[in-house]
Amino acid sequence: MSEHTVQSPLPGVFYRSPSPGEPVFTDVGQEVTADQTIGLVEVMKQFAPVLAGADGTISAFLVEDSATVGPGDALASIDVA
C-alpha cells in the first residue's frame, strides 16, 4: 500500500467542514475518491476546495482545523490501495 499526501493549493486557512457547525467533509478511516473534497482553503473570503487527489482511505489529517497553511503544505495522508 502506498501513501498520497494532500497538499494545500494556496496559502490561507484550512477548514475541514463547509461552514461552522456543519459536519466535516471526511474523517480519518473513511474512503475517498480522487475528486472528492476533503476540506477548503480560505483566502480573502474566497474558498478553494481541497481535493483528495487519489482514491483511498484517509489515514491522517496533518494540520488542525482552522490552521493557517502555505502553498504546498501537507494537509492529509491517504492510504492508496
N, C-alpha and C. Protein backbone atom coordinates (compact mmCIF):
# COMPACT_ATOMS: atom_id res chain seq x y z
N MET A 1 0.85 -1.18 0.00
CA MET A 1 0.00 0.00 0.00
C MET A 1 0.90 1.24 0.00
N SER A 2 0.57 2.19 -0.84
CA SER A 2 1.35 3.42 -0.89
C SER A 2 0.57 4.56 -0.23
N GLU A 3 1.25 5.67 -0.08
CA GLU A 3 0.63 6.81 0.59
C GLU A 3 0.64 8.03 -0.33
N HIS A 4 -0.45 8.77 -0.31
CA HIS A 4 -0.57 10.02 -1.07
C HIS A 4 -0.72 11.15 -0.06
N THR A 5 0.05 12.21 -0.23
CA THR A 5 -0.06 13.37 0.65
C THR A 5 -0.83 14.46 -0.07
N VAL A 6 -1.91 14.92 0.57
CA VAL A 6 -2.72 16.00 0.02
C VAL A 6 -2.06 17.32 0.44
N GLN A 7 -1.80 18.19 -0.53
CA GLN A 7 -1.13 19.46 -0.26
C GLN A 7 -2.08 20.64 -0.47
N SER A 8 -1.80 21.70 0.26
CA SER A 8 -2.61 22.92 0.11
C SER A 8 -2.34 23.54 -1.26
N PRO A 9 -3.42 23.89 -1.98
CA PRO A 9 -3.23 24.50 -3.29
C PRO A 9 -2.76 25.96 -3.22
N LEU A 10 -2.99 26.61 -2.08
CA LEU A 10 -2.61 28.02 -1.93
C LEU A 10 -2.54 28.40 -0.46
N PRO A 11 -2.03 29.57 -0.14
CA PRO A 11 -1.95 29.98 1.26
C PRO A 11 -3.32 30.40 1.77
N GLY A 12 -3.56 30.19 3.05
CA GLY A 12 -4.82 30.60 3.65
C GLY A 12 -5.10 29.84 4.92
N VAL A 13 -6.38 29.66 5.22
CA VAL A 13 -6.82 28.93 6.41
C VAL A 13 -7.54 27.67 5.96
N PHE A 14 -7.14 26.52 6.51
CA PHE A 14 -7.71 25.23 6.14
C PHE A 14 -8.90 24.91 7.03
N TYR A 15 -10.00 24.55 6.40
CA TYR A 15 -11.22 24.14 7.12
C TYR A 15 -11.62 22.75 6.69
N ARG A 16 -12.02 21.92 7.65
CA ARG A 16 -12.44 20.55 7.35
C ARG A 16 -13.94 20.43 7.08
N SER A 17 -14.72 21.49 7.34
CA SER A 17 -16.16 21.45 7.09
C SER A 17 -16.56 22.64 6.23
N PRO A 18 -17.73 22.55 5.57
CA PRO A 18 -18.15 23.63 4.67
C PRO A 18 -18.47 24.94 5.38
N SER A 19 -18.90 24.86 6.64
CA SER A 19 -19.14 26.06 7.44
C SER A 19 -19.21 25.66 8.91
N PRO A 20 -19.03 26.62 9.83
CA PRO A 20 -19.04 26.30 11.25
C PRO A 20 -20.31 25.56 11.66
N GLY A 21 -20.14 24.52 12.46
CA GLY A 21 -21.28 23.76 12.96
C GLY A 21 -21.75 22.65 12.04
N GLU A 22 -21.23 22.60 10.82
CA GLU A 22 -21.61 21.53 9.89
C GLU A 22 -20.61 20.38 10.01
N PRO A 23 -21.04 19.17 9.63
CA PRO A 23 -20.12 18.02 9.69
C PRO A 23 -18.92 18.21 8.77
N VAL A 24 -17.83 17.53 9.12
CA VAL A 24 -16.62 17.58 8.30
C VAL A 24 -16.88 16.89 6.96
N PHE A 25 -16.11 17.27 5.94
CA PHE A 25 -16.23 16.65 4.63
C PHE A 25 -15.95 15.15 4.70
N THR A 26 -14.90 14.78 5.43
CA THR A 26 -14.50 13.38 5.60
C THR A 26 -13.66 13.28 6.87
N ASP A 27 -13.43 12.07 7.31
CA ASP A 27 -12.68 11.89 8.55
C ASP A 27 -11.70 10.73 8.39
N VAL A 28 -10.81 10.59 9.35
CA VAL A 28 -9.83 9.51 9.34
C VAL A 28 -10.57 8.17 9.28
N GLY A 29 -10.10 7.30 8.40
CA GLY A 29 -10.70 5.97 8.26
C GLY A 29 -11.75 5.88 7.17
N GLN A 30 -12.15 7.01 6.61
CA GLN A 30 -13.16 6.99 5.56
C GLN A 30 -12.51 6.89 4.19
N GLU A 31 -13.19 6.18 3.30
CA GLU A 31 -12.71 6.07 1.93
C GLU A 31 -13.08 7.33 1.15
N VAL A 32 -12.18 7.73 0.25
CA VAL A 32 -12.40 8.92 -0.58
C VAL A 32 -12.04 8.59 -2.03
N THR A 33 -12.58 9.39 -2.94
CA THR A 33 -12.20 9.29 -4.35
C THR A 33 -11.30 10.47 -4.68
N ALA A 34 -10.57 10.37 -5.76
CA ALA A 34 -9.60 11.40 -6.13
C ALA A 34 -10.22 12.78 -6.27
N ASP A 35 -11.45 12.84 -6.77
CA ASP A 35 -12.09 14.15 -7.00
C ASP A 35 -13.01 14.58 -5.86
N GLN A 36 -12.89 13.94 -4.71
CA GLN A 36 -13.72 14.27 -3.55
C GLN A 36 -13.10 15.41 -2.74
N THR A 37 -13.93 16.35 -2.31
CA THR A 37 -13.47 17.46 -1.47
C THR A 37 -13.26 16.97 -0.05
N ILE A 38 -12.07 17.24 0.51
CA ILE A 38 -11.78 16.84 1.89
C ILE A 38 -11.66 18.06 2.81
N GLY A 39 -11.67 19.26 2.22
CA GLY A 39 -11.55 20.49 3.01
C GLY A 39 -11.60 21.70 2.10
N LEU A 40 -11.44 22.86 2.72
CA LEU A 40 -11.43 24.13 2.00
C LEU A 40 -10.25 24.96 2.48
N VAL A 41 -9.71 25.76 1.60
CA VAL A 41 -8.72 26.76 1.99
C VAL A 41 -9.33 28.12 1.69
N GLU A 42 -9.39 28.95 2.72
CA GLU A 42 -9.95 30.31 2.56
C GLU A 42 -8.82 31.31 2.45
N VAL A 43 -8.94 32.17 1.45
CA VAL A 43 -8.01 33.28 1.32
C VAL A 43 -8.84 34.49 0.89
N MET A 44 -8.81 35.52 1.68
CA MET A 44 -9.53 36.76 1.41
C MET A 44 -11.02 36.52 1.12
N LYS A 45 -11.67 35.72 1.99
CA LYS A 45 -13.11 35.41 1.91
C LYS A 45 -13.50 34.60 0.68
N GLN A 46 -12.52 34.03 -0.01
CA GLN A 46 -12.78 33.13 -1.13
C GLN A 46 -12.36 31.73 -0.69
N PHE A 47 -13.18 30.74 -1.03
CA PHE A 47 -12.93 29.38 -0.58
C PHE A 47 -12.58 28.49 -1.78
N ALA A 48 -11.44 27.82 -1.68
CA ALA A 48 -10.99 26.89 -2.72
C ALA A 48 -11.10 25.47 -2.17
N PRO A 49 -11.75 24.57 -2.91
CA PRO A 49 -11.83 23.19 -2.44
C PRO A 49 -10.47 22.51 -2.46
N VAL A 50 -10.26 21.64 -1.49
CA VAL A 50 -9.07 20.80 -1.46
C VAL A 50 -9.54 19.40 -1.81
N LEU A 51 -9.07 18.88 -2.94
CA LEU A 51 -9.47 17.57 -3.40
C LEU A 51 -8.50 16.50 -2.90
N ALA A 52 -9.01 15.30 -2.71
CA ALA A 52 -8.19 14.20 -2.22
C ALA A 52 -7.00 13.93 -3.15
N GLY A 53 -7.25 13.91 -4.45
CA GLY A 53 -6.16 13.70 -5.39
C GLY A 53 -5.81 12.25 -5.65
N ALA A 54 -6.39 11.33 -4.89
CA ALA A 54 -6.15 9.89 -5.09
C ALA A 54 -7.29 9.13 -4.43
N ASP A 55 -7.61 7.96 -4.99
CA ASP A 55 -8.58 7.08 -4.35
C ASP A 55 -7.90 6.35 -3.21
N GLY A 56 -8.59 6.23 -2.08
CA GLY A 56 -8.02 5.51 -0.94
C GLY A 56 -8.75 5.81 0.34
N THR A 57 -8.05 5.64 1.45
CA THR A 57 -8.60 5.84 2.79
C THR A 57 -7.81 6.91 3.52
N ILE A 58 -8.50 7.88 4.10
CA ILE A 58 -7.83 8.94 4.87
C ILE A 58 -7.15 8.29 6.08
N SER A 59 -5.84 8.44 6.18
CA SER A 59 -5.10 7.86 7.31
C SER A 59 -4.81 8.89 8.38
N ALA A 60 -4.72 10.18 8.01
CA ALA A 60 -4.44 11.23 9.00
C ALA A 60 -4.68 12.60 8.40
N PHE A 61 -5.09 13.52 9.25
CA PHE A 61 -5.06 14.94 8.91
C PHE A 61 -3.81 15.49 9.58
N LEU A 62 -3.00 16.20 8.83
CA LEU A 62 -1.68 16.64 9.30
C LEU A 62 -1.68 18.06 9.85
N VAL A 63 -2.81 18.76 9.73
CA VAL A 63 -2.97 20.09 10.32
C VAL A 63 -4.32 20.13 11.02
N GLU A 64 -4.43 21.01 11.99
CA GLU A 64 -5.69 21.17 12.71
C GLU A 64 -6.69 21.96 11.88
N ASP A 65 -7.96 21.79 12.16
CA ASP A 65 -8.99 22.60 11.55
C ASP A 65 -8.73 24.07 11.89
N SER A 66 -8.92 24.94 10.95
CA SER A 66 -8.72 26.39 11.10
C SER A 66 -7.25 26.80 11.19
N ALA A 67 -6.35 25.90 10.78
CA ALA A 67 -4.92 26.22 10.80
C ALA A 67 -4.54 27.06 9.59
N THR A 68 -3.58 27.95 9.78
CA THR A 68 -3.03 28.72 8.67
C THR A 68 -2.04 27.82 7.93
N VAL A 69 -2.18 27.78 6.60
CA VAL A 69 -1.33 26.91 5.78
C VAL A 69 -0.72 27.71 4.64
N GLY A 70 0.36 27.19 4.12
CA GLY A 70 1.01 27.80 2.96
C GLY A 70 0.85 26.90 1.75
N PRO A 71 1.14 27.41 0.57
CA PRO A 71 1.02 26.58 -0.63
C PRO A 71 1.99 25.39 -0.55
N GLY A 72 1.46 24.21 -0.82
CA GLY A 72 2.28 23.01 -0.77
C GLY A 72 2.38 22.35 0.59
N ASP A 73 1.83 22.99 1.63
CA ASP A 73 1.84 22.37 2.96
C ASP A 73 1.05 21.06 2.94
N ALA A 74 1.53 20.05 3.65
CA ALA A 74 0.85 18.77 3.75
C ALA A 74 -0.38 18.92 4.66
N LEU A 75 -1.54 18.52 4.12
CA LEU A 75 -2.79 18.65 4.87
C LEU A 75 -3.31 17.31 5.38
N ALA A 76 -3.17 16.28 4.58
CA ALA A 76 -3.71 14.97 4.94
C ALA A 76 -2.92 13.87 4.23
N SER A 77 -3.03 12.65 4.78
CA SER A 77 -2.43 11.48 4.16
C SER A 77 -3.54 10.51 3.76
N ILE A 78 -3.37 9.90 2.60
CA ILE A 78 -4.34 8.93 2.11
C ILE A 78 -3.59 7.64 1.80
N ASP A 79 -4.06 6.52 2.36
CA ASP A 79 -3.54 5.22 2.03
C ASP A 79 -4.15 4.79 0.71
N VAL A 80 -3.31 4.59 -0.29
CA VAL A 80 -3.78 4.24 -1.63
C VAL A 80 -3.57 2.74 -1.82
N ALA A 81 -4.62 2.06 -2.23
CA ALA A 81 -4.53 0.60 -2.41
C ALA A 81 -3.86 0.25 -3.72
